[in-house]
Amino acid sequence: MSLCCDPLLDLLDPRLFKALSDPNRITMFCQLADCCGGMTVSEMAERFPIDISVVSRHLALLRDAGLLKSTRDGKQVRYWLMVSDVVDRLRKIADALETCCLAAKTSACSPLEERP
């Protein structure tokens, strides 16, 4: 692989894609995007027809992927979307992908075709 694409490889963390590969986690991510004050596991569980322990595991997976932050207050855990971190991360991925593809178009490698 070309050296210009190394930054892209560094940015494509499988944990990010695993975290966003489940429809329930995507919905939870979007719920937190709509709720600036964050939500507790209990509040999130009220919105899903799944057990609270499953909701907790989904949120922990999103947190471990670097998409959420959490705080504990007694038995309650509150989750927030790390908006600026997520935006920065996705922007870096987009920039690295664009740089890699532009470099590949001008290199001696096999021609790239734009796909619809």
Protein backbone atom coordinates (compact mmCIF):
# COMPACT_ATOMS: atom_id res chain seq x y z
CA MET A 1 0.00 0.00 0.00
CA SER A 2 1.15 3.51 -0.73
CA LEU A 3 2.66 5.55 2.06
CA CYS A 4 0.13 8.30 1.43
CA CYS A 5 -2.62 5.98 2.69
CA ASP A 6 -0.92 5.13 5.98
CA PRO A 7 -2.77 7.94 7.83
CA LEU A 8 -6.05 6.44 6.61
CA LEU A 9 -5.07 3.03 7.99
CA ASP A 10 -4.27 4.62 11.34
CA LEU A 11 -7.66 6.36 11.48
CA LEU A 12 -9.87 3.40 10.50
CA ASP A 13 -10.35 1.85 13.92
CA PRO A 14 -12.47 -1.32 13.72
CA ARG A 15 -14.04 -0.44 17.11
CA LEU A 16 -15.64 2.63 15.53
CA PHE A 17 -17.28 0.60 12.79
CA LYS A 18 -18.28 -2.20 15.14
CA ALA A 19 -19.90 0.34 17.46
CA LEU A 20 -21.91 1.83 14.59
CA SER A 21 -22.79 -1.50 12.96
CA ASP A 22 -25.84 -2.23 15.12
CA PRO A 23 -29.20 -0.52 14.44
CA ASN A 24 -29.93 -0.13 18.17
CA ARG A 25 -26.56 1.53 18.77
CA ILE A 26 -27.07 3.85 15.82
CA THR A 27 -30.44 4.86 17.25
CA MET A 28 -28.90 5.39 20.71
CA PHE A 29 -26.16 7.50 19.14
CA CYS A 30 -28.83 9.62 17.42
CA GLN A 31 -30.90 9.88 20.62
CA LEU A 32 -27.85 11.25 22.41
CA ALA A 33 -27.21 13.67 19.53
CA ASP A 34 -30.73 15.04 20.13
CA CYS A 35 -30.23 15.30 23.90
CA CYS A 36 -27.63 17.87 24.90
CA GLY A 37 -27.83 17.00 28.61
CA GLY A 38 -26.98 13.36 28.10
CA MET A 39 -29.08 10.43 29.23
CA THR A 40 -28.88 7.82 31.93
CA VAL A 41 -28.98 4.15 31.05
CA SER A 42 -32.48 4.02 32.58
CA GLU A 43 -33.70 6.94 30.46
CA MET A 44 -32.30 5.33 27.34
CA ALA A 45 -33.80 1.93 28.25
CA GLU A 46 -37.28 3.51 28.44
CA ARG A 47 -37.01 4.18 24.70
CA PHE A 48 -36.06 0.63 23.65
CA PRO A 49 -37.89 -2.68 23.88
CA ILE A 50 -34.76 -4.44 25.15
CA ASP A 51 -33.47 -5.23 28.62
CA ILE A 52 -31.67 -2.45 30.50
CA SER A 53 -28.52 -4.62 30.74
CA VAL A 54 -28.40 -4.82 26.94
CA VAL A 55 -28.84 -1.04 26.69
CA SER A 56 -25.98 -0.63 29.16
CA ARG A 57 -23.72 -2.91 27.10
CA HIS A 58 -24.58 -1.04 23.88
CA LEU A 59 -23.74 2.30 25.49
CA ALA A 60 -20.50 0.95 26.95
CA LEU A 61 -19.47 -0.29 23.50
CA LEU A 62 -20.13 3.17 22.03
CA ARG A 63 -18.12 4.71 24.88
CA ASP A 64 -15.23 2.28 24.40
CA ALA A 65 -15.15 3.21 20.70
CA GLY A 66 -14.58 6.84 21.72
CA LEU A 67 -18.01 8.11 20.69
CA LEU A 68 -19.48 8.75 24.14
CA LYS A 69 -18.32 9.82 27.56
CA SER A 70 -19.91 8.72 30.80
CA THR A 71 -20.10 9.72 34.43
CA ARG A 72 -21.31 7.71 37.37
CA ASP A 73 -23.48 9.13 40.14
CA GLY A 74 -24.23 6.34 42.58
CA LYS A 75 -25.94 3.60 40.60
CA GLN A 76 -26.77 5.86 37.67
CA VAL A 77 -24.46 6.22 34.67
CA ARG A 78 -25.06 9.19 32.37
CA TYR A 79 -23.81 9.15 28.77
CA TRP A 80 -23.09 12.09 26.45
CA LEU A 81 -22.14 12.19 22.82
CA MET A 82 -18.62 13.55 22.38
CA VAL A 83 -19.72 15.77 19.49
CA SER A 84 -16.53 17.69 18.76
CA ASP A 85 -14.38 14.55 19.09
CA VAL A 86 -16.66 12.56 16.77
CA VAL A 87 -16.80 15.38 14.21
CA ASP A 88 -13.02 15.77 14.33
CA ARG A 89 -12.47 12.05 13.94
CA LEU A 90 -14.84 11.72 10.97
CA ARG A 91 -13.36 14.82 9.34
CA LYS A 92 -9.85 13.35 9.65
CA ILE A 93 -11.03 10.09 8.08
CA ALA A 94 -12.65 11.99 5.19
CA ASP A 95 -9.54 14.14 4.66
CA ALA A 96 -7.21 11.12 4.72
CA LEU A 97 -9.43 9.21 2.29
CA GLU A 98 -9.53 12.16 -0.08
CA THR A 99 -5.75 12.63 0.12
CA CYS A 100 -5.14 8.93 -0.48
CA CYS A 101 -7.48 8.78 -3.50
CA LEU A 102 -6.09 11.97 -5.03
CA ALA A 103 -2.55 10.66 -4.65
CA ALA A 104 -3.55 7.33 -6.21
CA LYS A 105 -5.01 9.10 -9.25
CA THR A 106 -1.68 10.78 -9.94
CA SER A 107 0.54 7.78 -9.14
CA ALA A 108 1.74 5.03 -11.41
CA CYS A 109 -0.65 2.51 -9.81
CA SER A 110 -3.56 1.05 -11.70
CA PRO A 111 -6.08 3.63 -12.80
CA LEU A 112 -8.91 4.45 -10.46
CA GLU A 113 -12.40 4.88 -11.75
CA GLU A 114 -14.98 6.97 -10.01
CA ARG A 115 -17.87 4.73 -9.02
CA PRO A 116 -21.40 6.04 -8.72
